[in-house]
């Protein structure tokens, strides 16, 4: 019995070390800058989840970075006015569309894939929090392997990635996002590659 507990303890210790090393790696790949801030794409895509994302996506649209903005994962019945309020002034409704059929990043990717296919688009600029970007890109590349993806991370002043271990809130957020990233990796072999126009 003691040997069995010893083996179990050793395995648990090893897994903890591996998980911790993986977390450090994950934090190291969280974007600190926008590597490509100028290139144009056919669409800008913003998964709902933060007001700053929506404003950034709108500003990119106004700057001419793309002709269309797609907001994925809004609650049923939510309108552009609900999401953007007075920031929607002087912005033509023709250029912004909302998706209501996604509840998480996996479904955001599927919903966006269908929307992109319906418009015949082949490139998009993905706008989301920098801590969320590794998982978002993983899911979007799985759903749209032939589409050009440009990362456009948003940097919240409340998420201190460089000194993450000093801040309980940031450390908890990054650890949670790392777990979700691992789950997405584990799920990938069991989910077929998405066909354009069909959400996974």
N, C-alpha and C. Protein backbone atom coordinates (compact mmCIF):
# COMPACT_ATOMS: atom_id res chain seq x y z
N UNK A 1 0.82 -1.21 0.00
CA UNK A 1 0.00 0.00 0.00
C UNK A 1 0.86 1.26 0.00
N UNK A 2 1.92 1.25 0.85
CA UNK A 2 2.79 2.42 0.90
C UNK A 2 3.48 2.64 -0.44
N UNK A 3 3.86 1.54 -1.10
CA UNK A 3 4.52 1.67 -2.41
C UNK A 3 3.57 2.30 -3.42
N UNK A 4 2.29 1.84 -3.37
CA UNK A 4 1.30 2.38 -4.30
C UNK A 4 1.10 3.88 -4.07
N UNK A 5 1.02 4.28 -2.79
CA UNK A 5 0.87 5.70 -2.48
C UNK A 5 2.10 6.48 -2.91
N UNK A 6 3.27 5.83 -2.76
CA UNK A 6 4.50 6.50 -3.18
C UNK A 6 4.53 6.73 -4.68
N UNK A 7 4.11 5.73 -5.44
CA UNK A 7 4.06 5.86 -6.90
C UNK A 7 3.06 6.94 -7.31
N UNK A 8 1.90 6.90 -6.66
CA UNK A 8 0.87 7.89 -6.96
C UNK A 8 1.36 9.31 -6.66
N UNK A 9 2.04 9.44 -5.51
CA UNK A 9 2.58 10.75 -5.15
C UNK A 9 3.63 11.22 -6.13
N UNK A 10 4.47 10.29 -6.58
CA UNK A 10 5.51 10.65 -7.55
C UNK A 10 4.91 11.09 -8.87
N UNK A 11 3.90 10.36 -9.33
CA UNK A 11 3.24 10.71 -10.60
C UNK A 11 2.56 12.07 -10.47
N UNK A 12 1.89 12.28 -9.35
CA UNK A 12 1.21 13.56 -9.13
C UNK A 12 2.20 14.71 -9.09
N UNK A 13 3.34 14.49 -8.46
CA UNK A 13 4.38 15.52 -8.41
C UNK A 13 4.90 15.83 -9.80
N UNK A 14 5.14 14.78 -10.60
CA UNK A 14 5.64 14.96 -11.96
C UNK A 14 4.64 15.73 -12.82
N UNK A 15 3.36 15.36 -12.69
CA UNK A 15 2.33 16.05 -13.46
C UNK A 15 2.22 17.52 -13.06
N UNK A 16 2.40 17.79 -11.77
CA UNK A 16 2.35 19.16 -11.30
C UNK A 16 3.50 19.97 -11.89
N UNK A 17 4.69 19.37 -11.94
CA UNK A 17 5.85 20.04 -12.53
C UNK A 17 5.61 20.31 -14.01
N UNK A 18 5.10 19.29 -14.73
CA UNK A 18 4.85 19.45 -16.16
C UNK A 18 3.80 20.53 -16.40
N UNK A 19 2.74 20.53 -15.57
CA UNK A 19 1.69 21.53 -15.73
C UNK A 19 2.25 22.93 -15.49
N UNK A 20 3.10 23.07 -14.49
CA UNK A 20 3.67 24.37 -14.15
C UNK A 20 4.59 24.87 -15.26
N UNK A 21 5.41 23.96 -15.82
CA UNK A 21 6.29 24.33 -16.93
C UNK A 21 5.44 24.76 -18.13
N UNK A 22 4.37 24.01 -18.37
CA UNK A 22 3.48 24.36 -19.47
C UNK A 22 2.84 25.72 -19.28
N UNK A 23 2.47 26.04 -18.05
CA UNK A 23 1.87 27.34 -17.76
C UNK A 23 2.85 28.47 -18.05
N UNK A 24 4.10 28.27 -17.65
CA UNK A 24 5.13 29.28 -17.93
C UNK A 24 5.28 29.46 -19.44
N UNK A 25 5.30 28.35 -20.18
CA UNK A 25 5.39 28.45 -21.64
C UNK A 25 4.19 29.19 -22.20
N UNK A 26 2.99 28.85 -21.71
CA UNK A 26 1.77 29.47 -22.22
C UNK A 26 1.83 30.98 -22.02
N UNK A 27 2.23 31.42 -20.84
CA UNK A 27 2.31 32.86 -20.58
C UNK A 27 3.33 33.51 -21.51
N UNK A 28 4.41 32.78 -21.83
CA UNK A 28 5.44 33.34 -22.69
C UNK A 28 4.96 33.59 -24.11
N UNK A 29 3.93 32.87 -24.56
CA UNK A 29 3.43 33.05 -25.93
C UNK A 29 2.22 33.97 -25.99
N UNK A 30 1.75 34.43 -24.84
CA UNK A 30 0.68 35.43 -24.85
C UNK A 30 1.24 36.71 -25.48
N UNK A 31 0.57 37.26 -26.49
CA UNK A 31 1.12 38.43 -27.21
C UNK A 31 1.32 39.64 -26.30
N UNK A 32 2.43 40.31 -26.52
CA UNK A 32 2.72 41.57 -25.83
C UNK A 32 2.56 42.76 -26.77
N UNK A 33 2.53 42.50 -28.07
CA UNK A 33 2.40 43.56 -29.07
C UNK A 33 1.50 43.06 -30.20
N UNK A 34 1.10 43.96 -31.07
CA UNK A 34 0.39 43.60 -32.29
C UNK A 34 1.44 43.48 -33.39
N UNK A 35 1.73 42.28 -33.81
CA UNK A 35 2.82 42.07 -34.75
C UNK A 35 2.53 42.66 -36.13
N UNK A 36 1.27 42.68 -36.51
CA UNK A 36 0.90 43.19 -37.83
C UNK A 36 -0.26 44.18 -37.66
N UNK A 37 0.05 45.44 -37.35
CA UNK A 37 -1.03 46.40 -37.08
C UNK A 37 -1.58 47.09 -38.32
N UNK A 38 -1.00 46.88 -39.49
CA UNK A 38 -1.35 47.72 -40.65
C UNK A 38 -2.00 46.98 -41.81
N UNK A 39 -1.76 45.69 -41.96
CA UNK A 39 -2.27 45.01 -43.15
C UNK A 39 -3.79 44.94 -43.12
N UNK A 40 -4.39 45.02 -44.30
CA UNK A 40 -5.83 44.96 -44.43
C UNK A 40 -6.30 43.52 -44.61
N UNK A 41 -7.48 43.24 -44.11
CA UNK A 41 -8.12 41.95 -44.31
C UNK A 41 -9.54 42.21 -44.82
N UNK A 42 -10.20 41.15 -45.25
CA UNK A 42 -11.56 41.32 -45.75
C UNK A 42 -12.55 41.53 -44.61
N UNK A 43 -12.24 41.02 -43.44
CA UNK A 43 -13.15 41.13 -42.31
C UNK A 43 -12.39 41.34 -41.01
N UNK A 44 -13.07 41.95 -40.06
CA UNK A 44 -12.61 42.05 -38.68
C UNK A 44 -13.60 41.25 -37.84
N UNK A 45 -13.09 40.38 -36.98
CA UNK A 45 -13.95 39.52 -36.17
C UNK A 45 -13.67 39.76 -34.70
N UNK A 46 -14.74 39.98 -33.94
CA UNK A 46 -14.62 40.21 -32.50
C UNK A 46 -15.52 39.22 -31.77
N UNK A 47 -14.95 38.25 -31.06
CA UNK A 47 -15.77 37.42 -30.17
C UNK A 47 -16.20 38.25 -28.97
N UNK A 48 -17.47 38.20 -28.61
CA UNK A 48 -17.92 38.98 -27.47
C UNK A 48 -17.23 38.48 -26.20
N UNK A 49 -17.13 39.38 -25.23
CA UNK A 49 -16.47 39.00 -23.98
C UNK A 49 -15.78 40.17 -23.32
N UNK A 50 -15.74 41.31 -24.01
CA UNK A 50 -15.12 42.48 -23.41
C UNK A 50 -15.45 43.72 -24.21
N UNK A 51 -15.84 44.80 -23.52
CA UNK A 51 -16.22 46.03 -24.20
C UNK A 51 -15.04 46.60 -24.99
N UNK A 52 -13.84 46.45 -24.44
CA UNK A 52 -12.67 46.97 -25.13
C UNK A 52 -12.46 46.32 -26.49
N UNK A 53 -12.80 45.03 -26.60
CA UNK A 53 -12.69 44.34 -27.88
C UNK A 53 -13.60 44.99 -28.92
N UNK A 54 -14.83 45.27 -28.53
CA UNK A 54 -15.80 45.84 -29.46
C UNK A 54 -15.36 47.21 -29.95
N UNK A 55 -14.89 48.04 -29.03
CA UNK A 55 -14.43 49.37 -29.41
C UNK A 55 -13.22 49.29 -30.33
N UNK A 56 -12.31 48.37 -30.03
CA UNK A 56 -11.12 48.20 -30.88
C UNK A 56 -11.52 47.75 -32.28
N UNK A 57 -12.45 46.80 -32.35
CA UNK A 57 -12.92 46.33 -33.65
C UNK A 57 -13.57 47.44 -34.44
N UNK A 58 -14.37 48.27 -33.78
CA UNK A 58 -15.04 49.39 -34.44
C UNK A 58 -14.03 50.40 -34.94
N UNK A 59 -13.01 50.69 -34.13
CA UNK A 59 -11.98 51.64 -34.55
C UNK A 59 -11.20 51.11 -35.75
N UNK A 60 -10.93 49.82 -35.77
CA UNK A 60 -10.24 49.23 -36.92
C UNK A 60 -11.09 49.33 -38.18
N UNK A 61 -12.39 49.12 -38.03
CA UNK A 61 -13.30 49.26 -39.18
C UNK A 61 -13.29 50.69 -39.69
N UNK A 62 -13.39 51.64 -38.79
CA UNK A 62 -13.39 53.05 -39.17
C UNK A 62 -12.07 53.47 -39.82
N UNK A 63 -10.98 52.80 -39.42
CA UNK A 63 -9.66 53.12 -39.98
C UNK A 63 -9.43 52.48 -41.34
N UNK A 64 -10.40 51.67 -41.79
CA UNK A 64 -10.28 51.06 -43.10
C UNK A 64 -9.47 49.78 -43.14
N UNK A 65 -9.30 49.12 -41.97
CA UNK A 65 -8.54 47.88 -41.93
C UNK A 65 -9.29 46.72 -42.59
N UNK A 66 -10.61 46.87 -42.72
CA UNK A 66 -11.45 45.90 -43.41
C UNK A 66 -12.77 46.58 -43.75
N UNK A 67 -13.56 45.92 -44.61
CA UNK A 67 -14.85 46.50 -45.01
C UNK A 67 -16.01 45.99 -44.17
N UNK A 68 -15.79 44.90 -43.43
CA UNK A 68 -16.87 44.30 -42.65
C UNK A 68 -16.38 43.96 -41.25
N UNK A 69 -17.28 44.14 -40.28
CA UNK A 69 -17.00 43.75 -38.89
C UNK A 69 -18.05 42.72 -38.47
N UNK A 70 -17.57 41.59 -37.94
CA UNK A 70 -18.47 40.55 -37.45
C UNK A 70 -18.27 40.38 -35.96
N UNK A 71 -19.35 40.51 -35.20
CA UNK A 71 -19.31 40.32 -33.75
C UNK A 71 -19.95 38.98 -33.45
N UNK A 72 -19.17 38.05 -32.95
CA UNK A 72 -19.63 36.67 -32.75
C UNK A 72 -19.99 36.41 -31.29
N UNK A 73 -21.14 35.72 -31.10
CA UNK A 73 -21.48 35.25 -29.77
C UNK A 73 -22.28 36.20 -28.92
N UNK A 74 -23.03 37.10 -29.54
CA UNK A 74 -23.89 38.01 -28.76
C UNK A 74 -25.13 37.25 -28.29
N UNK A 75 -25.68 37.68 -27.17
CA UNK A 75 -26.91 37.07 -26.67
C UNK A 75 -28.05 37.30 -27.66
N UNK A 76 -28.97 36.38 -27.69
CA UNK A 76 -30.14 36.50 -28.56
C UNK A 76 -30.90 37.79 -28.25
N UNK A 77 -31.22 38.53 -29.30
CA UNK A 77 -31.97 39.77 -29.13
C UNK A 77 -31.12 41.01 -28.93
N UNK A 78 -29.82 40.82 -28.69
CA UNK A 78 -28.92 41.97 -28.50
C UNK A 78 -28.70 42.66 -29.84
N UNK A 79 -28.75 43.99 -29.84
CA UNK A 79 -28.58 44.78 -31.05
C UNK A 79 -27.24 45.51 -31.04
N UNK A 80 -26.91 46.10 -32.18
CA UNK A 80 -25.69 46.90 -32.26
C UNK A 80 -25.74 48.06 -31.28
N UNK A 81 -26.91 48.66 -31.15
CA UNK A 81 -27.04 49.78 -30.22
C UNK A 81 -26.80 49.32 -28.78
N UNK A 82 -27.27 48.12 -28.45
CA UNK A 82 -27.02 47.57 -27.11
C UNK A 82 -25.53 47.38 -26.87
N UNK A 83 -24.83 46.92 -27.88
CA UNK A 83 -23.41 46.60 -27.72
C UNK A 83 -22.51 47.82 -27.75
N UNK A 84 -22.82 48.76 -28.64
CA UNK A 84 -21.89 49.85 -28.90
C UNK A 84 -22.40 51.22 -28.46
N UNK A 85 -23.71 51.33 -28.21
CA UNK A 85 -24.26 52.59 -27.73
C UNK A 85 -23.93 53.75 -28.62
N UNK A 86 -23.52 54.85 -28.01
CA UNK A 86 -23.25 56.08 -28.76
C UNK A 86 -22.05 55.94 -29.68
N UNK A 87 -21.22 54.92 -29.47
CA UNK A 87 -20.07 54.71 -30.35
C UNK A 87 -20.50 54.29 -31.75
N UNK A 88 -21.77 53.94 -31.89
CA UNK A 88 -22.27 53.51 -33.18
C UNK A 88 -22.64 54.69 -34.08
N UNK A 89 -22.64 55.90 -33.54
CA UNK A 89 -23.00 57.07 -34.32
C UNK A 89 -22.09 57.23 -35.53
N UNK A 90 -22.70 57.61 -36.65
CA UNK A 90 -21.99 57.85 -37.92
C UNK A 90 -21.37 56.58 -38.50
N UNK A 91 -21.76 55.42 -38.00
CA UNK A 91 -21.25 54.15 -38.53
C UNK A 91 -22.39 53.45 -39.27
N UNK A 92 -22.26 53.23 -40.59
CA UNK A 92 -23.34 52.58 -41.33
C UNK A 92 -23.57 51.14 -40.88
N UNK A 93 -24.85 50.77 -40.70
CA UNK A 93 -25.21 49.44 -40.24
C UNK A 93 -24.81 48.36 -41.24
N UNK A 94 -24.61 48.74 -42.49
CA UNK A 94 -24.31 47.75 -43.53
C UNK A 94 -23.00 47.02 -43.29
N UNK A 95 -22.11 47.65 -42.53
CA UNK A 95 -20.74 47.13 -42.40
C UNK A 95 -20.54 46.27 -41.16
N UNK A 96 -21.56 46.14 -40.32
CA UNK A 96 -21.42 45.40 -39.07
C UNK A 96 -22.52 44.35 -38.98
N UNK A 97 -22.15 43.14 -38.65
CA UNK A 97 -23.12 42.06 -38.45
C UNK A 97 -22.87 41.39 -37.11
N UNK A 98 -23.93 40.84 -36.54
CA UNK A 98 -23.83 40.18 -35.24
C UNK A 98 -24.23 38.72 -35.38
N UNK A 99 -23.47 37.83 -34.75
CA UNK A 99 -23.83 36.42 -34.66
C UNK A 99 -24.37 36.10 -33.28
N UNK A 100 -25.41 35.28 -33.23
CA UNK A 100 -26.06 34.95 -31.95
C UNK A 100 -25.99 33.46 -31.63
N UNK A 101 -25.16 32.71 -32.34
CA UNK A 101 -25.19 31.25 -32.20
C UNK A 101 -23.94 30.66 -31.56
N UNK A 102 -23.21 31.45 -30.80
CA UNK A 102 -21.99 30.94 -30.16
C UNK A 102 -21.99 31.29 -28.68
N UNK A 103 -21.53 30.35 -27.86
CA UNK A 103 -21.47 30.57 -26.42
C UNK A 103 -20.06 30.44 -25.87
N UNK A 104 -19.11 30.01 -26.69
CA UNK A 104 -17.73 29.89 -26.24
C UNK A 104 -16.82 30.06 -27.45
N UNK A 105 -15.52 29.98 -27.23
CA UNK A 105 -14.56 30.22 -28.30
C UNK A 105 -14.66 29.18 -29.41
N UNK A 106 -14.88 27.94 -29.04
CA UNK A 106 -15.06 26.86 -30.02
C UNK A 106 -16.22 27.19 -30.96
N UNK A 107 -17.33 27.64 -30.39
CA UNK A 107 -18.49 27.97 -31.20
C UNK A 107 -18.30 29.30 -31.93
N UNK A 108 -17.54 30.24 -31.35
CA UNK A 108 -17.20 31.47 -32.07
C UNK A 108 -16.51 31.15 -33.39
N UNK A 109 -15.58 30.20 -33.33
CA UNK A 109 -14.84 29.82 -34.53
C UNK A 109 -15.77 29.21 -35.57
N UNK A 110 -16.69 28.34 -35.13
CA UNK A 110 -17.62 27.73 -36.05
C UNK A 110 -18.58 28.74 -36.66
N UNK A 111 -19.10 29.63 -35.82
CA UNK A 111 -20.02 30.65 -36.30
C UNK A 111 -19.33 31.58 -37.29
N UNK A 112 -18.10 31.95 -37.00
CA UNK A 112 -17.34 32.82 -37.89
C UNK A 112 -17.02 32.11 -39.20
N UNK A 113 -16.70 30.82 -39.13
CA UNK A 113 -16.42 30.05 -40.34
C UNK A 113 -17.60 30.09 -41.30
N UNK A 114 -18.81 29.90 -40.76
CA UNK A 114 -20.01 29.92 -41.59
C UNK A 114 -20.23 31.31 -42.18
N UNK A 115 -20.03 32.35 -41.37
CA UNK A 115 -20.20 33.72 -41.84
C UNK A 115 -19.19 34.07 -42.92
N UNK A 116 -17.94 33.69 -42.71
CA UNK A 116 -16.89 33.95 -43.71
C UNK A 116 -17.22 33.26 -45.03
N UNK A 117 -17.67 32.03 -44.96
CA UNK A 117 -17.99 31.28 -46.18
C UNK A 117 -19.17 31.92 -46.91
N UNK A 118 -20.15 32.39 -46.16
CA UNK A 118 -21.33 33.02 -46.77
C UNK A 118 -20.95 34.27 -47.55
N UNK A 119 -19.90 34.97 -47.08
CA UNK A 119 -19.45 36.19 -47.75
C UNK A 119 -18.32 35.93 -48.74
N UNK A 120 -17.79 34.73 -48.76
CA UNK A 120 -16.67 34.42 -49.64
C UNK A 120 -15.37 35.06 -49.23
N UNK A 121 -15.21 35.33 -47.93
CA UNK A 121 -14.00 35.97 -47.43
C UNK A 121 -12.90 34.95 -47.17
N UNK A 122 -11.66 35.40 -47.35
CA UNK A 122 -10.51 34.52 -47.16
C UNK A 122 -9.50 35.06 -46.15
N UNK A 123 -9.80 36.18 -45.53
CA UNK A 123 -8.86 36.74 -44.54
C UNK A 123 -9.65 37.49 -43.47
N UNK A 124 -9.14 37.43 -42.24
CA UNK A 124 -9.78 38.16 -41.15
C UNK A 124 -8.75 38.61 -40.13
N UNK A 125 -9.09 39.71 -39.47
CA UNK A 125 -8.30 40.20 -38.34
C UNK A 125 -9.07 39.87 -37.07
N UNK A 126 -8.48 39.07 -36.21
CA UNK A 126 -9.15 38.60 -35.00
C UNK A 126 -8.80 39.51 -33.83
N UNK A 127 -9.83 40.10 -33.23
CA UNK A 127 -9.66 41.04 -32.13
C UNK A 127 -10.15 40.41 -30.85
N UNK A 128 -9.24 40.19 -29.91
CA UNK A 128 -9.63 39.64 -28.60
C UNK A 128 -8.53 39.95 -27.60
N UNK A 129 -8.78 39.65 -26.32
CA UNK A 129 -7.79 39.91 -25.28
C UNK A 129 -6.50 39.13 -25.53
N UNK A 130 -5.37 39.72 -25.19
CA UNK A 130 -4.09 39.04 -25.47
C UNK A 130 -3.99 37.70 -24.74
N UNK A 131 -4.54 37.60 -23.53
CA UNK A 131 -4.50 36.34 -22.78
C UNK A 131 -5.37 35.27 -23.44
N UNK A 132 -6.36 35.69 -24.20
CA UNK A 132 -7.28 34.77 -24.87
C UNK A 132 -6.81 34.38 -26.27
N UNK A 133 -5.85 35.14 -26.82
CA UNK A 133 -5.46 34.97 -28.22
C UNK A 133 -4.91 33.58 -28.54
N UNK A 134 -4.03 32.97 -27.72
CA UNK A 134 -3.51 31.64 -28.09
C UNK A 134 -4.62 30.62 -28.31
N UNK A 135 -5.60 30.58 -27.44
CA UNK A 135 -6.69 29.62 -27.60
C UNK A 135 -7.61 30.01 -28.75
N UNK A 136 -7.87 31.30 -28.90
CA UNK A 136 -8.72 31.74 -29.99
C UNK A 136 -8.12 31.39 -31.35
N UNK A 137 -6.84 31.63 -31.50
CA UNK A 137 -6.17 31.31 -32.77
C UNK A 137 -6.18 29.81 -33.02
N UNK A 138 -5.97 29.03 -31.97
CA UNK A 138 -6.02 27.57 -32.10
C UNK A 138 -7.37 27.12 -32.64
N UNK A 139 -8.45 27.62 -32.06
CA UNK A 139 -9.80 27.23 -32.47
C UNK A 139 -10.13 27.76 -33.87
N UNK A 140 -9.76 29.00 -34.16
CA UNK A 140 -10.09 29.58 -35.45
C UNK A 140 -9.29 28.91 -36.58
N UNK A 141 -8.05 28.56 -36.32
CA UNK A 141 -7.27 27.86 -37.36
C UNK A 141 -7.81 26.47 -37.62
N UNK A 142 -8.31 25.83 -36.58
CA UNK A 142 -8.92 24.52 -36.77
C UNK A 142 -10.17 24.62 -37.62
N UNK A 143 -10.98 25.63 -37.35
CA UNK A 143 -12.24 25.80 -38.06
C UNK A 143 -12.04 26.33 -39.48
N UNK A 144 -10.98 27.13 -39.68
CA UNK A 144 -10.75 27.78 -40.98
C UNK A 144 -9.29 27.64 -41.39
N UNK A 145 -8.86 26.43 -41.71
CA UNK A 145 -7.44 26.21 -42.01
C UNK A 145 -6.93 26.96 -43.24
N UNK A 146 -7.82 27.34 -44.15
CA UNK A 146 -7.40 27.99 -45.39
C UNK A 146 -7.57 29.51 -45.36
N UNK A 147 -8.01 30.04 -44.24
CA UNK A 147 -8.23 31.48 -44.12
C UNK A 147 -7.02 32.15 -43.48
N UNK A 148 -6.63 33.30 -44.01
CA UNK A 148 -5.54 34.07 -43.41
C UNK A 148 -6.04 34.73 -42.13
N UNK A 149 -5.35 34.48 -41.03
CA UNK A 149 -5.72 35.05 -39.73
C UNK A 149 -4.65 36.04 -39.28
N UNK A 150 -5.06 37.23 -38.98
CA UNK A 150 -4.16 38.25 -38.44
C UNK A 150 -4.55 38.50 -36.98
N UNK A 151 -3.61 38.34 -36.09
CA UNK A 151 -3.88 38.52 -34.66
C UNK A 151 -3.87 40.01 -34.30
N UNK A 152 -4.91 40.43 -33.59
CA UNK A 152 -4.98 41.81 -33.12
C UNK A 152 -5.35 41.80 -31.62
N UNK A 153 -4.37 41.48 -30.77
CA UNK A 153 -4.66 41.39 -29.33
C UNK A 153 -4.99 42.74 -28.72
N UNK A 154 -5.84 42.69 -27.69
CA UNK A 154 -6.19 43.87 -26.90
C UNK A 154 -5.52 43.73 -25.54
N UNK A 155 -4.98 44.81 -25.02
CA UNK A 155 -4.21 44.76 -23.79
C UNK A 155 -4.94 45.49 -22.68
N UNK A 156 -5.46 44.73 -21.75
CA UNK A 156 -6.17 45.31 -20.61
C UNK A 156 -5.17 45.73 -19.54
N UNK A 157 -5.40 46.89 -18.96
CA UNK A 157 -4.51 47.37 -17.90
C UNK A 157 -4.63 46.52 -16.64
N UNK A 158 -5.70 45.72 -16.56
CA UNK A 158 -5.91 44.89 -15.38
C UNK A 158 -5.24 43.51 -15.51
N UNK A 159 -4.74 43.18 -16.70
CA UNK A 159 -4.07 41.89 -16.92
C UNK A 159 -2.59 42.17 -17.10
N UNK A 160 -1.82 41.94 -16.06
CA UNK A 160 -0.39 42.29 -16.05
C UNK A 160 0.43 41.05 -16.38
N UNK A 161 0.55 40.79 -17.69
CA UNK A 161 1.15 39.53 -18.14
C UNK A 161 2.62 39.42 -17.78
N UNK A 162 3.36 40.52 -17.88
CA UNK A 162 4.80 40.44 -17.65
C UNK A 162 5.16 40.06 -16.21
N UNK A 163 4.36 40.51 -15.25
CA UNK A 163 4.62 40.18 -13.84
C UNK A 163 3.44 39.39 -13.27
N UNK A 164 2.96 38.44 -14.03
CA UNK A 164 1.71 37.77 -13.72
C UNK A 164 1.72 37.06 -12.37
N UNK A 165 2.87 36.51 -11.98
CA UNK A 165 2.94 35.74 -10.73
C UNK A 165 2.78 36.62 -9.48
N UNK A 166 2.91 37.92 -9.65
CA UNK A 166 2.77 38.83 -8.51
C UNK A 166 1.32 39.23 -8.25
N UNK A 167 0.46 38.95 -9.20
CA UNK A 167 -0.92 39.42 -9.12
C UNK A 167 -1.88 38.23 -9.14
N UNK A 168 -2.60 38.06 -8.06
CA UNK A 168 -3.46 36.89 -7.92
C UNK A 168 -4.51 36.83 -9.03
N UNK A 169 -5.12 37.97 -9.33
CA UNK A 169 -6.15 37.99 -10.37
C UNK A 169 -5.61 37.58 -11.72
N UNK A 170 -4.47 38.15 -12.11
CA UNK A 170 -3.87 37.81 -13.40
C UNK A 170 -3.42 36.35 -13.42
N UNK A 171 -2.80 35.90 -12.33
CA UNK A 171 -2.32 34.51 -12.28
C UNK A 171 -3.49 33.55 -12.41
N UNK A 172 -4.60 33.84 -11.73
CA UNK A 172 -5.78 32.98 -11.82
C UNK A 172 -6.37 32.98 -13.22
N UNK A 173 -6.43 34.15 -13.84
CA UNK A 173 -6.96 34.25 -15.20
C UNK A 173 -6.11 33.47 -16.18
N UNK A 174 -4.80 33.62 -16.11
CA UNK A 174 -3.90 32.92 -17.03
C UNK A 174 -3.92 31.41 -16.81
N UNK A 175 -4.00 30.99 -15.55
CA UNK A 175 -4.07 29.56 -15.25
C UNK A 175 -5.36 28.98 -15.82
N UNK A 176 -6.47 29.70 -15.66
CA UNK A 176 -7.74 29.24 -16.19
C UNK A 176 -7.70 29.15 -17.71
N UNK A 177 -7.10 30.15 -18.34
CA UNK A 177 -7.01 30.17 -19.80
C UNK A 177 -6.10 29.05 -20.30
N UNK A 178 -5.05 28.77 -19.55
CA UNK A 178 -4.14 27.68 -19.90
C UNK A 178 -4.86 26.33 -19.85
N UNK A 179 -5.68 26.11 -18.84
CA UNK A 179 -6.45 24.87 -18.74
C UNK A 179 -7.40 24.74 -19.93
N UNK A 180 -8.06 25.83 -20.30
CA UNK A 180 -8.96 25.81 -21.45
C UNK A 180 -8.19 25.54 -22.75
N UNK A 181 -6.99 26.07 -22.83
CA UNK A 181 -6.13 25.83 -24.00
C UNK A 181 -5.78 24.34 -24.08
N UNK A 182 -5.42 23.74 -22.96
CA UNK A 182 -5.10 22.32 -22.95
C UNK A 182 -6.30 21.47 -23.35
N UNK A 183 -7.47 21.83 -22.85
CA UNK A 183 -8.68 21.09 -23.20
C UNK A 183 -8.97 21.21 -24.70
N UNK A 184 -8.71 22.39 -25.27
CA UNK A 184 -8.91 22.57 -26.71
C UNK A 184 -7.93 21.70 -27.49
N UNK A 185 -6.69 21.60 -27.01
CA UNK A 185 -5.71 20.74 -27.66
C UNK A 185 -6.12 19.27 -27.60
N UNK A 186 -6.60 18.84 -26.44
CA UNK A 186 -7.01 17.46 -26.26
C UNK A 186 -8.20 17.12 -27.16
N UNK A 187 -9.10 18.09 -27.33
CA UNK A 187 -10.31 17.85 -28.12
C UNK A 187 -10.04 17.78 -29.62
N UNK A 188 -9.00 18.44 -30.07
CA UNK A 188 -8.77 18.59 -31.50
C UNK A 188 -8.72 17.27 -32.28
N UNK A 189 -8.02 16.23 -31.81
CA UNK A 189 -7.99 14.99 -32.58
C UNK A 189 -9.35 14.32 -32.71
N UNK A 190 -10.28 14.67 -31.84
CA UNK A 190 -11.58 14.03 -31.85
C UNK A 190 -12.65 14.85 -32.57
N UNK A 191 -12.25 16.00 -33.09
CA UNK A 191 -13.18 16.82 -33.85
C UNK A 191 -12.67 16.93 -35.27
N UNK A 192 -13.53 16.65 -36.21
CA UNK A 192 -13.12 16.68 -37.60
C UNK A 192 -12.81 18.10 -38.02
N UNK A 193 -11.94 18.26 -38.99
CA UNK A 193 -11.65 19.59 -39.52
C UNK A 193 -12.94 20.14 -40.14
N UNK A 194 -13.20 21.39 -39.86
CA UNK A 194 -14.45 21.99 -40.31
C UNK A 194 -14.42 22.23 -41.82
N UNK A 195 -15.53 22.00 -42.47
CA UNK A 195 -15.67 22.37 -43.85
C UNK A 195 -16.15 23.81 -43.89
N UNK A 196 -15.68 24.58 -44.87
CA UNK A 196 -16.10 25.95 -44.99
C UNK A 196 -17.61 26.02 -45.08
N UNK A 197 -18.20 26.87 -44.27
CA UNK A 197 -19.64 27.06 -44.29
C UNK A 197 -20.38 26.20 -43.30
N UNK A 198 -19.71 25.24 -42.69
CA UNK A 198 -20.37 24.38 -41.72
C UNK A 198 -19.69 24.51 -40.38
N UNK A 199 -20.35 25.08 -39.36
CA UNK A 199 -19.74 25.18 -38.04
C UNK A 199 -19.42 23.81 -37.50
N UNK A 200 -18.32 23.63 -36.76
CA UNK A 200 -17.95 22.32 -36.24
C UNK A 200 -18.91 21.84 -35.18
